Amino acid sequence: MAWLILFLGGMFEVGWLITMKYTDGFTRLAPSAATLALMGASVGCLGIAVKTIPMGTAYAVWTGTSIAGAAVVGICVFGESTTPLRLVSIALILAGVVGLRVQPNHAGDPSPRAGETRQK
C-alpha cells in the first residue's frame, strides 16, 4: 500500500507542476490554491510512504515518478519535443524507479538510527 501512496504522491507532484503553470506568478487565486493543495498532498503521501519504505528509496521513487510524469505531460499536453534522446532518458528514469521498487526488502533488518552504526 505504501508504494501505491508513494506513486500517488508523485502524480500529485505532476499535478502541482501543471497547475503552477497557470498561477501567473501566484497572482491567480484558483490555480494558486490548487497548486498549494497538490503540493501538500504530494509531500503528505511521501511522509506516509517513508513510514515503511526506506527514506532514500522513497525520495528517489517520488522524484523519479514525478520527473518522468512531468516530461510525459509536457510532451502529450504541452507539445514539448520528443527527440530520441529525451524518450530514452525518460525510459531510464522509469527503469531506475522500477529497479528501486523490485529490490529485495530486508524487513527484518531495520535501518540504523541517526548516529548509530550497523553491526555485522
PDB file of N, CA and C in Angstrom:
ATOM      1  N   MET A   1       0.817  -1.192   0.000  1.00  0.00           N
ATOM      2  CA  MET A   1       0.000   0.000   0.000  1.00  0.00           C
ATOM      3  C   MET A   1       0.867   1.264   0.000  1.00  0.00           C
ATOM      4  N   ALA A   2       2.008   1.212   0.707  1.00  0.00           N
ATOM      5  CA  ALA A   2       2.891   2.379   0.773  1.00  0.00           C
ATOM      6  C   ALA A   2       3.420   2.739  -0.611  1.00  0.00           C
ATOM      7  N   TRP A   3       3.664   1.733  -1.449  1.00  0.00           N
ATOM      8  CA  TRP A   3       4.169   2.013  -2.796  1.00  0.00           C
ATOM      9  C   TRP A   3       3.109   2.718  -3.632  1.00  0.00           C
ATOM     10  N   LEU A   4       1.865   2.318  -3.479  1.00  0.00           N
ATOM     11  CA  LEU A   4       0.775   2.980  -4.194  1.00  0.00           C
ATOM     12  C   LEU A   4       0.631   4.433  -3.727  1.00  0.00           C
ATOM     13  N   ILE A   5       0.716   4.653  -2.441  1.00  0.00           N
ATOM     14  CA  ILE A   5       0.642   6.008  -1.894  1.00  0.00           C
ATOM     15  C   ILE A   5       1.817   6.846  -2.403  1.00  0.00           C
ATOM     16  N   LEU A   6       2.992   6.241  -2.469  1.00  0.00           N
ATOM     17  CA  LEU A   6       4.170   6.948  -2.975  1.00  0.00           C
ATOM     18  C   LEU A   6       3.991   7.329  -4.444  1.00  0.00           C
ATOM     19  N   PHE A   7       3.474   6.409  -5.249  1.00  0.00           N
ATOM     20  CA  PHE A   7       3.209   6.705  -6.653  1.00  0.00           C
ATOM     21  C   PHE A   7       2.174   7.822  -6.772  1.00  0.00           C
ATOM     22  N   LEU A   8       1.141   7.753  -5.965  1.00  0.00           N
ATOM     23  CA  LEU A   8       0.115   8.805  -5.957  1.00  0.00           C
ATOM     24  C   LEU A   8       0.733  10.159  -5.603  1.00  0.00           C
ATOM     25  N   GLY A   9       1.654  10.161  -4.654  1.00  0.00           N
ATOM     26  CA  GLY A   9       2.359  11.388  -4.303  1.00  0.00           C
ATOM     27  C   GLY A   9       3.138  11.957  -5.479  1.00  0.00           C
ATOM     28  N   GLY A  10       3.767  11.095  -6.251  1.00  0.00           N
ATOM     29  CA  GLY A  10       4.463  11.542  -7.452  1.00  0.00           C
ATOM     30  C   GLY A  10       3.518  12.140  -8.471  1.00  0.00           C
ATOM     31  N   MET A  11       2.328  11.563  -8.576  1.00  0.00           N
ATOM     32  CA  MET A  11       1.343  12.105  -9.516  1.00  0.00           C
ATOM     33  C   MET A  11       0.770  13.435  -9.024  1.00  0.00           C
ATOM     34  N   PHE A  12       0.616  13.574  -7.702  1.00  0.00           N
ATOM     35  CA  PHE A  12       0.215  14.878  -7.153  1.00  0.00           C
ATOM     36  C   PHE A  12       1.275  15.926  -7.474  1.00  0.00           C
ATOM     37  N   GLU A  13       2.520  15.509  -7.448  1.00  0.00           N
ATOM     38  CA  GLU A  13       3.609  16.437  -7.780  1.00  0.00           C
ATOM     39  C   GLU A  13       3.504  16.893  -9.237  1.00  0.00           C
ATOM     40  N   VAL A  14       3.185  15.979 -10.127  1.00  0.00           N
ATOM     41  CA  VAL A  14       2.960  16.360 -11.529  1.00  0.00           C
ATOM     42  C   VAL A  14       1.782  17.331 -11.605  1.00  0.00           C
ATOM     43  N   GLY A  15       0.752  17.061 -10.840  1.00  0.00           N
ATOM     44  CA  GLY A  15      -0.422  17.931 -10.826  1.00  0.00           C
ATOM     45  C   GLY A  15      -0.095  19.339 -10.385  1.00  0.00           C
ATOM     46  N   TRP A  16       0.700  19.472  -9.325  1.00  0.00           N
ATOM     47  CA  TRP A  16       1.009  20.834  -8.880  1.00  0.00           C
ATOM     48  C   TRP A  16       1.909  21.551  -9.865  1.00  0.00           C
ATOM     49  N   LEU A  17       2.739  20.812 -10.561  1.00  0.00           N
ATOM     50  CA  LEU A  17       3.566  21.451 -11.575  1.00  0.00           C
ATOM     51  C   LEU A  17       2.699  22.004 -12.710  1.00  0.00           C
ATOM     52  N   ILE A  18       1.703  21.243 -13.104  1.00  0.00           N
ATOM     53  CA  ILE A  18       0.790  21.697 -14.160  1.00  0.00           C
ATOM     54  C   ILE A  18       0.001  22.915 -13.691  1.00  0.00           C
ATOM     55  N   THR A  19      -0.572  22.836 -12.484  1.00  0.00           N
ATOM     56  CA  THR A  19      -1.368  23.974 -12.016  1.00  0.00           C
ATOM     57  C   THR A  19      -0.516  25.207 -11.786  1.00  0.00           C
ATOM     58  N   MET A  20       0.743  25.012 -11.393  1.00  0.00           N
ATOM     59  CA  MET A  20       1.613  26.163 -11.175  1.00  0.00           C
ATOM     60  C   MET A  20       1.857  26.925 -12.481  1.00  0.00           C
ATOM     61  N   LYS A  21       1.823  26.220 -13.589  1.00  0.00           N
ATOM     62  CA  LYS A  21       1.992  26.866 -14.890  1.00  0.00           C
ATOM     63  C   LYS A  21       0.907  27.928 -15.114  1.00  0.00           C
ATOM     64  N   TYR A  22      -0.246  27.739 -14.508  1.00  0.00           N
ATOM     65  CA  TYR A  22      -1.383  28.641 -14.705  1.00  0.00           C
ATOM     66  C   TYR A  22      -1.562  29.668 -13.584  1.00  0.00           C
ATOM     67  N   THR A  23      -0.643  29.719 -12.611  1.00  0.00           N
ATOM     68  CA  THR A  23      -0.797  30.658 -11.492  1.00  0.00           C
ATOM     69  C   THR A  23      -0.413  32.091 -11.850  1.00  0.00           C
ATOM     70  N   ASP A  24       0.308  32.262 -12.942  1.00  0.00           N
ATOM     71  CA  ASP A  24       0.791  33.596 -13.350  1.00  0.00           C
ATOM     72  C   ASP A  24       1.564  34.244 -12.206  1.00  0.00           C
ATOM     73  N   GLY A  25       2.574  33.487 -11.730  1.00  0.00           N
ATOM     74  CA  GLY A  25       3.390  34.006 -10.625  1.00  0.00           C
ATOM     75  C   GLY A  25       2.642  34.053  -9.307  1.00  0.00           C
ATOM     76  N   PHE A  26       1.714  33.149  -9.107  1.00  0.00           N
ATOM     77  CA  PHE A  26       0.868  33.067  -7.910  1.00  0.00           C
ATOM     78  C   PHE A  26       0.006  34.318  -7.734  1.00  0.00           C
ATOM     79  N   THR A  27      -0.401  34.904  -8.855  1.00  0.00           N
ATOM     80  CA  THR A  27      -1.309  36.054  -8.801  1.00  0.00           C
ATOM     81  C   THR A  27      -2.745  35.650  -9.101  1.00  0.00           C
ATOM     82  N   ARG A  28      -2.974  34.428  -9.549  1.00  0.00           N
ATOM     83  CA  ARG A  28      -4.333  33.941  -9.828  1.00  0.00           C
ATOM     84  C   ARG A  28      -4.726  32.984  -8.713  1.00  0.00           C
ATOM     85  N   LEU A  29      -5.838  33.276  -8.062  1.00  0.00           N
ATOM     86  CA  LEU A  29      -6.226  32.569  -6.842  1.00  0.00           C
ATOM     87  C   LEU A  29      -6.494  31.074  -7.037  1.00  0.00           C
ATOM     88  N   ALA A  30      -7.355  30.705  -7.966  1.00  0.00           N
ATOM     89  CA  ALA A  30      -7.749  29.294  -8.094  1.00  0.00           C
ATOM     90  C   ALA A  30      -6.565  28.392  -8.437  1.00  0.00           C
ATOM     91  N   PRO A  31      -5.776  28.701  -9.460  1.00  0.00           N
ATOM     92  CA  PRO A  31      -4.630  27.824  -9.728  1.00  0.00           C
ATOM     93  C   PRO A  31      -3.597  27.832  -8.604  1.00  0.00           C
ATOM     94  N   SER A  32      -3.460  28.970  -7.927  1.00  0.00           N
ATOM     95  CA  SER A  32      -2.516  29.045  -6.807  1.00  0.00           C
ATOM     96  C   SER A  32      -2.973  28.148  -5.664  1.00  0.00           C
ATOM     97  N   ALA A  33      -4.257  28.188  -5.354  1.00  0.00           N
ATOM     98  CA  ALA A  33      -4.804  27.335  -4.288  1.00  0.00           C
ATOM     99  C   ALA A  33      -4.668  25.858  -4.657  1.00  0.00           C
ATOM    100  N   ALA A  34      -4.949  25.532  -5.909  1.00  0.00           N
ATOM    101  CA  ALA A  34      -4.811  24.143  -6.364  1.00  0.00           C
ATOM    102  C   ALA A  34      -3.355  23.690  -6.265  1.00  0.00           C
ATOM    103  N   THR A  35      -2.452  24.553  -6.653  1.00  0.00           N
ATOM    104  CA  THR A  35      -1.022  24.224  -6.578  1.00  0.00           C
ATOM    105  C   THR A  35      -0.615  23.929  -5.143  1.00  0.00           C
ATOM    106  N   LEU A  36      -0.991  24.791  -4.224  1.00  0.00           N
ATOM    107  CA  LEU A  36      -0.620  24.590  -2.825  1.00  0.00           C
ATOM    108  C   LEU A  36      -1.255  23.326  -2.240  1.00  0.00           C
ATOM    109  N   ALA A  37      -2.506  23.057  -2.609  1.00  0.00           N
ATOM    110  CA  ALA A  37      -3.169  21.842  -2.118  1.00  0.00           C
ATOM    111  C   ALA A  37      -2.478  20.589  -2.657  1.00  0.00           C
ATOM    112  N   LEU A  38      -2.127  20.614  -3.940  1.00  0.00           N
ATOM    113  CA  LEU A  38      -1.449  19.462  -4.535  1.00  0.00           C
ATOM    114  C   LEU A  38      -0.042  19.284  -3.964  1.00  0.00           C
ATOM    115  N   MET A  39       0.642  20.392  -3.668  1.00  0.00           N
ATOM    116  CA  MET A  39       1.954  20.299  -3.016  1.00  0.00           C
ATOM    117  C   MET A  39       1.829  19.602  -1.662  1.00  0.00           C
ATOM    118  N   GLY A  40       0.833  20.017  -0.900  1.00  0.00           N
ATOM    119  CA  GLY A  40       0.616  19.396   0.406  1.00  0.00           C
ATOM    120  C   GLY A  40       0.287  17.923   0.297  1.00  0.00           C
ATOM    121  N   ALA A  41      -0.556  17.581  -0.669  1.00  0.00           N
ATOM    122  CA  ALA A  41      -0.917  16.172  -0.867  1.00  0.00           C
ATOM    123  C   ALA A  41       0.297  15.354  -1.274  1.00  0.00           C
ATOM    124  N   SER A  42       1.127  15.928  -2.131  1.00  0.00           N
ATOM    125  CA  SER A  42       2.316  15.225  -2.602  1.00  0.00           C
ATOM    126  C   SER A  42       3.278  14.932  -1.456  1.00  0.00           C
ATOM    127  N   VAL A  43       3.589  15.946  -0.682  1.00  0.00           N
ATOM    128  CA  VAL A  43       4.507  15.772   0.443  1.00  0.00           C
ATOM    129  C   VAL A  43       3.870  14.879   1.517  1.00  0.00           C
ATOM    130  N   GLY A  44       2.564  15.002   1.704  1.00  0.00           N
ATOM    131  CA  GLY A  44       1.873  14.136   2.652  1.00  0.00           C
ATOM    132  C   GLY A  44       1.984  12.664   2.280  1.00  0.00           C
ATOM    133  N   CYS A  45       1.824  12.372   1.005  1.00  0.00           N
ATOM    134  CA  CYS A  45       1.975  10.986   0.547  1.00  0.00           C
ATOM    135  C   CYS A  45       3.392  10.477   0.785  1.00  0.00           C
ATOM    136  N   LEU A  46       4.377  11.326   0.514  1.00  0.00           N
ATOM    137  CA  LEU A  46       5.768  10.937   0.778  1.00  0.00           C
ATOM    138  C   LEU A  46       5.958  10.658   2.265  1.00  0.00           C
ATOM    139  N   GLY A  47       5.393  11.508   3.103  1.00  0.00           N
ATOM    140  CA  GLY A  47       5.507  11.313   4.548  1.00  0.00           C
ATOM    141  C   GLY A  47       4.906   9.997   5.019  1.00  0.00           C
ATOM    142  N   ILE A  48       3.788   9.624   4.445  1.00  0.00           N
ATOM    143  CA  ILE A  48       3.162   8.339   4.795  1.00  0.00           C
ATOM    144  C   ILE A  48       4.024   7.181   4.305  1.00  0.00           C
ATOM    145  N   ALA A  49       4.553   7.304   3.085  1.00  0.00           N
ATOM    146  CA  ALA A  49       5.335   6.218   2.491  1.00  0.00           C
ATOM    147  C   ALA A  49       6.622   5.941   3.257  1.00  0.00           C
ATOM    148  N   VAL A  50       7.272   6.987   3.775  1.00  0.00           N
ATOM    149  CA  VAL A  50       8.551   6.760   4.457  1.00  0.00           C
ATOM    150  C   VAL A  50       8.388   6.076   5.815  1.00  0.00           C
ATOM    151  N   LYS A  51       7.155   5.852   6.231  1.00  0.00           N
ATOM    152  CA  LYS A  51       6.947   5.053   7.434  1.00  0.00           C
ATOM    153  C   LYS A  51       7.372   3.612   7.202  1.00  0.00           C
ATOM    154  N   THR A  52       7.247   3.127   5.964  1.00  0.00           N
ATOM    155  CA  THR A  52       7.574   1.724   5.689  1.00  0.00           C
ATOM    156  C   THR A  52       8.615   1.536   4.587  1.00  0.00           C
ATOM    157  N   ILE A  53       8.801   2.522   3.726  1.00  0.00           N
ATOM    158  CA  ILE A  53       9.792   2.429   2.647  1.00  0.00           C
ATOM    159  C   ILE A  53      11.013   3.225   3.084  1.00  0.00           C
ATOM    160  N   PRO A  54      12.224   2.687   2.900  1.00  0.00           N
ATOM    161  CA  PRO A  54      13.413   3.446   3.283  1.00  0.00           C
ATOM    162  C   PRO A  54      13.411   4.845   2.659  1.00  0.00           C
ATOM    163  N   MET A  55      13.841   5.830   3.436  1.00  0.00           N
ATOM    164  CA  MET A  55      13.761   7.227   3.038  1.00  0.00           C
ATOM    165  C   MET A  55      14.417   7.508   1.688  1.00  0.00           C
ATOM    166  N   GLY A  56      15.636   7.048   1.478  1.00  0.00           N
ATOM    167  CA  GLY A  56      16.337   7.308   0.228  1.00  0.00           C
ATOM    168  C   GLY A  56      15.624   6.705  -0.965  1.00  0.00           C
ATOM    169  N   THR A  57      15.122   5.503  -0.794  1.00  0.00           N
ATOM    170  CA  THR A  57      14.382   4.839  -1.863  1.00  0.00           C
ATOM    171  C   THR A  57      13.090   5.580  -2.147  1.00  0.00           C
ATOM    172  N   ALA A  58      12.363   5.926  -1.094  1.00  0.00           N
ATOM    173  CA  ALA A  58      11.086   6.622  -1.272  1.00  0.00           C
ATOM    174  C   ALA A  58      11.285   7.952  -1.986  1.00  0.00           C
ATOM    175  N   TYR A  59      12.285   8.715  -1.573  1.00  0.00           N
ATOM    176  CA  TYR A  59      12.508  10.024  -2.192  1.00  0.00           C
ATOM    177  C   TYR A  59      12.910   9.875  -3.654  1.00  0.00           C
ATOM    178  N   ALA A  60      13.763   8.908  -3.946  1.00  0.00           N
ATOM    179  CA  ALA A  60      14.180   8.689  -5.334  1.00  0.00           C
ATOM    180  C   ALA A  60      13.002   8.267  -6.211  1.00  0.00           C
ATOM    181  N   VAL A  61      12.151   7.395  -5.705  1.00  0.00           N
ATOM    182  CA  VAL A  61      10.976   6.962  -6.468  1.00  0.00           C
ATOM    183  C   VAL A  61       9.993   8.108  -6.628  1.00  0.00           C
ATOM    184  N   TRP A  62       9.766   8.870  -5.573  1.00  0.00           N
ATOM    185  CA  TRP A  62       8.846  10.013  -5.605  1.00  0.00           C
ATOM    186  C   TRP A  62       9.287  11.026  -6.641  1.00  0.00           C
ATOM    187  N   THR A  63      10.552  11.397  -6.606  1.00  0.00           N
ATOM    188  CA  THR A  63      11.040  12.383  -7.576  1.00  0.00           C
ATOM    189  C   THR A  63      11.126  11.790  -8.968  1.00  0.00           C
ATOM    190  N   GLY A  64      11.523  10.530  -9.069  1.00  0.00           N
ATOM    191  CA  GLY A  64      11.629   9.892 -10.394  1.00  0.00           C
ATOM    192  C   GLY A  64      10.289   9.793 -11.099  1.00  0.00           C
ATOM    193  N   THR A  65       9.259   9.383 -10.355  1.00  0.00           N
ATOM    194  CA  THR A  65       7.939   9.284 -10.988  1.00  0.00           C
ATOM    195  C   THR A  65       7.419  10.657 -11.383  1.00  0.00           C
ATOM    196  N   SER A  66       7.702  11.655 -10.550  1.00  0.00           N
ATOM    197  CA  SER A  66       7.217  12.991 -10.897  1.00  0.00           C
ATOM    198  C   SER A  66       8.000  13.597 -12.054  1.00  0.00           C
ATOM    199  N   ILE A  67       9.291  13.349 -12.126  1.00  0.00           N
ATOM    200  CA  ILE A  67      10.087  13.842 -13.251  1.00  0.00           C
ATOM    201  C   ILE A  67       9.621  13.215 -14.556  1.00  0.00           C
ATOM    202  N   ALA A  68       9.500  11.904 -14.562  1.00  0.00           N
ATOM    203  CA  ALA A  68       9.048  11.224 -15.777  1.00  0.00           C
ATOM    204  C   ALA A  68       7.617  11.635 -16.125  1.00  0.00           C
ATOM    205  N   GLY A  69       6.757  11.723 -15.119  1.00  0.00           N
ATOM    206  CA  GLY A  69       5.368  12.133 -15.362  1.00  0.00           C
ATOM    207  C   GLY A  69       5.276  13.530 -15.936  1.00  0.00           C
ATOM    208  N   ALA A  70       6.068  14.445 -15.392  1.00  0.00           N
ATOM    209  CA  ALA A  70       6.063  15.819 -15.899  1.00  0.00           C
ATOM    210  C   ALA A  70       6.578  15.867 -17.333  1.00  0.00           C
ATOM    211  N   ALA A  71       7.575  15.073 -17.637  1.00  0.00           N
ATOM    212  CA  ALA A  71       8.106  15.042 -19.003  1.00  0.00           C
ATOM    213  C   ALA A  71       7.065  14.491 -19.979  1.00  0.00           C
ATOM    214  N   VAL A  72       6.367  13.451 -19.581  1.00  0.00           N
ATOM    215  CA  VAL A  72       5.329  12.872 -20.444  1.00  0.00           C
ATOM    216  C   VAL A  72       4.181  13.857 -20.646  1.00  0.00           C
ATOM    217  N   VAL A  73       3.753  14.521 -19.575  1.00  0.00           N
ATOM    218  CA  VAL A  73       2.696  15.529 -19.700  1.00  0.00           C
ATOM    219  C   VAL A  73       3.167  16.669 -20.605  1.00  0.00           C
ATOM    220  N   GLY A  74       4.411  17.067 -20.444  1.00  0.00           N
ATOM    221  CA  GLY A  74       4.952  18.112 -21.307  1.00  0.00           C
ATOM    222  C   GLY A  74       4.883  17.738 -22.778  1.00  0.00           C
ATOM    223  N   ILE A  75       5.164  16.489 -23.066  1.00  0.00           N
ATOM    224  CA  ILE A  75       5.120  16.014 -24.446  1.00  0.00           C
ATOM    225  C   ILE A  75       3.678  15.908 -24.938  1.00  0.00           C
ATOM    226  N   CYS A  76       2.830  15.255 -24.149  1.00  0.00           N
ATOM    227  CA  CYS A  76       1.458  14.961 -24.593  1.00  0.00           C
ATOM    228  C   CYS A  76       0.523  16.168 -24.548  1.00  0.00           C
ATOM    229  N   VAL A  77       0.689  17.031 -23.561  1.00  0.00           N
ATOM    230  CA  VAL A  77      -0.252  18.133 -23.365  1.00  0.00           C
ATOM    231  C   VAL A  77       0.289  19.462 -23.890  1.00  0.00           C
ATOM    232  N   PHE A  78       1.573  19.691 -23.672  1.00  0.00           N
ATOM    233  CA  PHE A  78       2.127  20.999 -23.997  1.00  0.00           C
ATOM    234  C   PHE A  78       3.000  21.000 -25.254  1.00  0.00           C
ATOM    235  N   GLY A  79       3.026  19.889 -25.978  1.00  0.00           N
ATOM    236  CA  GLY A  79       3.718  19.827 -27.266  1.00  0.00           C
ATOM    237  C   GLY A  79       5.231  19.961 -27.193  1.00  0.00           C
ATOM    238  N   GLU A  80       5.826  19.538 -26.083  1.00  0.00           N
ATOM    239  CA  GLU A  80       7.282  19.592 -25.982  1.00  0.00           C
ATOM    240  C   GLU A  80       7.914  18.541 -26.881  1.00  0.00           C
ATOM    241  N   SER A  81       9.188  18.691 -27.156  1.00  0.00           N
ATOM    242  CA  SER A  81       9.870  17.841 -28.137  1.00  0.00           C
ATOM    243  C   SER A  81       9.927  16.376 -27.711  1.00  0.00           C
ATOM    244  N   THR A  82      10.003  15.507 -28.694  1.00  0.00           N
ATOM    245  CA  THR A  82      10.091  14.063 -28.464  1.00  0.00           C
ATOM    246  C   THR A  82      11.317  13.499 -29.170  1.00  0.00           C
ATOM    247  N   THR A  83      12.455  14.076 -28.902  1.00  0.00           N
ATOM    248  CA  THR A  83      13.682  13.567 -29.516  1.00  0.00           C
ATOM    249  C   THR A  83      13.981  12.180 -28.965  1.00  0.00           C
ATOM    250  N   PRO A  84      14.673  11.358 -29.737  1.00  0.00           N
ATOM    251  CA  PRO A  84      15.008  10.017 -29.232  1.00  0.00           C
ATOM    252  C   PRO A  84      15.777  10.060 -27.907  1.00  0.00           C
ATOM    253  N   LEU A  85      16.699  10.998 -27.748  1.00  0.00           N
ATOM    254  CA  LEU A  85      17.452  11.087 -26.502  1.00  0.00           C
ATOM    255  C   LEU A  85      16.540  11.410 -25.323  1.00  0.00           C
ATOM    256  N   ARG A  86      15.587  12.287 -25.538  1.00  0.00           N
ATOM    257  CA  ARG A  86      14.647  12.636 -24.468  1.00  0.00           C
ATOM    258  C   ARG A  86      13.807  11.419 -24.073  1.00  0.00           C
ATOM    259  N   LEU A  87      13.309  10.679 -25.052  1.00  0.00           N
ATOM    260  CA  LEU A  87      12.496   9.497 -24.761  1.00  0.00           C
ATOM    261  C   LEU A  87      13.312   8.417 -24.059  1.00  0.00           C
ATOM    262  N   VAL A  88      14.551   8.213 -24.484  1.00  0.00           N
ATOM    263  CA  VAL A  88      15.420   7.237 -23.819  1.00  0.00           C
ATOM    264  C   VAL A  88      15.702   7.676 -22.390  1.00  0.00           C
ATOM    265  N   SER A  89      15.917   8.961 -22.194  1.00  0.00           N
ATOM    266  CA  SER A  89      16.186   9.477 -20.850  1.00  0.00           C
ATOM    267  C   SER A  89      15.001   9.251 -19.913  1.00  0.00           C
ATOM    268  N   ILE A  90      13.790   9.484 -20.408  1.00  0.00           N
ATOM    269  CA  ILE A  90      12.590   9.220 -19.602  1.00  0.00           C
ATOM    270  C   ILE A  90      12.504   7.732 -19.274  1.00  0.00           C
ATOM    271  N   ALA A  91      12.788   6.893 -20.256  1.00  0.00           N
ATOM    272  CA  ALA A  91      12.756   5.446 -20.033  1.00  0.00           C
ATOM    273  C   ALA A  91      13.789   5.032 -18.980  1.00  0.00           C
ATOM    274  N   LEU A  92      14.954   5.649 -18.991  1.00  0.00           N
ATOM    275  CA  LEU A  92      15.976   5.331 -17.991  1.00  0.00           C
ATOM    276  C   LEU A  92      15.535   5.732 -16.588  1.00  0.00           C
ATOM    277  N   ILE A  93      14.879   6.872 -16.481  1.00  0.00           N
ATOM    278  CA  ILE A  93      14.352   7.282 -15.170  1.00  0.00           C
ATOM    279  C   ILE A  93      13.348   6.248 -14.671  1.00  0.00           C
ATOM    280  N   LEU A  94      12.444   5.849 -15.545  1.00  0.00           N
ATOM    281  CA  LEU A  94      11.434   4.849 -15.161  1.00  0.00           C
ATOM    282  C   LEU A  94      12.081   3.506 -14.834  1.00  0.00           C
ATOM    283  N   ALA A  95      13.128   3.140 -15.556  1.00  0.00           N
ATOM    284  CA  ALA A  95      13.835   1.889 -15.252  1.00  0.00           C
ATOM    285  C   ALA A  95      14.459   1.963 -13.855  1.00  0.00           C
ATOM    286  N   GLY A  96      14.988   3.129 -13.495  1.00  0.00           N
ATOM    287  CA  GLY A  96      15.537   3.305 -12.160  1.00  0.00           C
ATOM    288  C   GLY A  96      14.480   3.181 -11.082  1.00  0.00           C
ATOM    289  N   VAL A  97      13.310   3.745 -11.337  1.00  0.00           N
ATOM    290  CA  VAL A  97      12.197   3.649 -10.389  1.00  0.00           C
ATOM    291  C   VAL A  97      11.787   2.190 -10.212  1.00  0.00           C
ATOM    292  N   VAL A  98      11.652   1.479 -11.312  1.00  0.00           N
ATOM    293  CA  VAL A  98      11.277   0.060 -11.251  1.00  0.00           C
ATOM    294  C   VAL A  98      12.357  -0.729 -10.512  1.00  0.00           C
ATOM    295  N   GLY A  99      13.619  -0.431 -10.803  1.00  0.00           N
ATOM    296  CA  GLY A  99      14.713  -1.120 -10.123  1.00  0.00           C
ATOM    297  C   GLY A  99      14.677  -0.921  -8.618  1.00  0.00           C
ATOM    298  N   LEU A 100      14.373   0.287  -8.181  1.00  0.00           N
ATOM    299  CA  LEU A 100      14.268   0.543  -6.749  1.00  0.00           C
ATOM    300  C   LEU A 100      13.077  -0.181  -6.146  1.00  0.00           C
ATOM    301  N   ARG A 101      12.016  -0.315  -6.915  1.00  0.00           N
ATOM    302  CA  ARG A 101      10.809  -0.977  -6.406  1.00  0.00           C
ATOM    303  C   ARG A 101      11.000  -2.479  -6.251  1.00  0.00           C
ATOM    304  N   VAL A 102      11.702  -3.104  -7.173  1.00  0.00           N
ATOM    305  CA  VAL A 102      11.809  -4.568  -7.146  1.00  0.00           C
ATOM    306  C   VAL A 102      12.992  -5.079  -6.334  1.00  0.00           C
ATOM    307  N   GLN A 103      13.800  -4.176  -5.794  1.00  0.00           N
ATOM    308  CA  GLN A 103      14.922  -4.638  -4.980  1.00  0.00           C
ATOM    309  C   GLN A 103      14.410  -5.389  -3.761  1.00  0.00           C
ATOM    310  N   PRO A 104      15.169  -6.368  -3.280  1.00  0.00           N
ATOM    311  CA  PRO A 104      14.718  -7.109  -2.100  1.00  0.00           C
ATOM    312  C   PRO A 104      14.591  -6.196  -0.890  1.00  0.00           C
ATOM    313  N   ASN A 105      13.549  -6.425  -0.107  1.00  0.00           N
ATOM    314  CA  ASN A 105      13.326  -5.650   1.115  1.00  0.00           C
ATOM    315  C   ASN A 105      13.815  -6.476   2.292  1.00  0.00           C
ATOM    316  N   HIS A 106      14.689  -5.925   3.062  1.00  0.00           N
ATOM    317  CA  HIS A 106      15.201  -6.618   4.244  1.00  0.00           C
ATOM    318  C   HIS A 106      14.390  -6.177   5.453  1.00  0.00           C
ATOM    319  N   ALA A 107      13.135  -6.624   5.496  1.00  0.00           N
ATOM    320  CA  ALA A 107      12.194  -6.166   6.525  1.00  0.00           C
ATOM    321  C   ALA A 107      12.666  -6.495   7.931  1.00  0.00           C
ATOM    322  N   GLY A 108      13.360  -7.598   8.119  1.00  0.00           N
ATOM    323  CA  GLY A 108      13.825  -7.967   9.447  1.00  0.00           C
ATOM    324  C   GLY A 108      15.117  -7.286   9.838  1.00  0.00           C
ATOM    325  N   ASP A 109      15.634  -6.419   8.989  1.00  0.00           N
ATOM    326  CA  ASP A 109      16.907  -5.755   9.214  1.00  0.00           C
ATOM    327  C   ASP A 109      16.667  -4.245   9.249  1.00  0.00           C
ATOM    328  N   PRO A 110      16.234  -3.713  10.402  1.00  0.00           N
ATOM    329  CA  PRO A 110      15.880  -2.290  10.455  1.00  0.00           C
ATOM    330  C   PRO A 110      17.083  -1.397  10.180  1.00  0.00           C
ATOM    331  N   SER A 111      16.808  -0.243   9.620  1.00  0.00           N
ATOM    332  CA  SER A 111      17.852   0.741   9.357  1.00  0.00           C
ATOM    333  C   SER A 111      18.359   1.292  10.676  1.00  0.00           C
ATOM    334  N   PRO A 112      19.659   1.611  10.748  1.00  0.00           N
ATOM    335  CA  PRO A 112      20.164   2.211  11.987  1.00  0.00           C
ATOM    336  C   PRO A 112      19.619   3.616  12.160  1.00  0.00           C
ATOM    337  N   ARG A 113      19.511   4.045  13.408  1.00  0.00           N
ATOM    338  CA  ARG A 113      19.081   5.415  13.694  1.00  0.00           C
ATOM    339  C   ARG A 113      20.246   6.361  13.467  1.00  0.00           C
ATOM    340  N   ALA A 114      19.944   7.641  13.406  1.00  0.00           N
ATOM    341  CA  ALA A 114      20.994   8.640  13.196  1.00  0.00           C
ATOM    342  C   ALA A 114      22.075   8.482  14.264  1.00  0.00           C
ATOM    343  N   GLY A 115      23.314   8.453  13.833  1.00  0.00           N
ATOM    344  CA  GLY A 115      24.433   8.341  14.761  1.00  0.00           C
ATOM    345  C   GLY A 115      24.815   6.928  15.113  1.00  0.00           C
ATOM    346  N   GLU A 116      23.969   5.949  14.781  1.00  0.00           N
ATOM    347  CA  GLU A 116      24.269   4.552  15.070  1.00  0.00           C
ATOM    348  C   GLU A 116      24.904   3.898  13.860  1.00  0.00           C
ATOM    349  N   THR A 117      25.633   2.823  14.104  1.00  0.00           N
ATOM    350  CA  THR A 117      26.184   2.042  13.004  1.00  0.00           C
ATOM    351  C   THR A 117      25.636   0.643  13.098  1.00  0.00           C
ATOM    352  N   ARG A 118      25.602  -0.012  11.977  1.00  0.00           N
ATOM    353  CA  ARG A 118      25.091  -1.369  11.895  1.00  0.00           C
ATOM    354  C   ARG A 118      26.188  -2.359  12.284  1.00  0.00           C
ATOM    355  N   GLN A 119      25.850  -3.324  13.107  1.00  0.00           N
ATOM    356  CA  GLN A 119      26.790  -4.371  13.493  1.00  0.00           C
ATOM    357  C   GLN A 119      26.671  -5.524  12.518  1.00  0.00           C
ATOM    358  N   LYS A 120      27.796  -6.072  12.099  1.00  0.00           N
ATOM    359  CA  LYS A 120      27.781  -7.238  11.188  1.00  0.00           C
ATOM    360  C   LYS A 120      28.064  -8.497  11.929  1.00  0.00           C
TER     361      LYS A 120
END
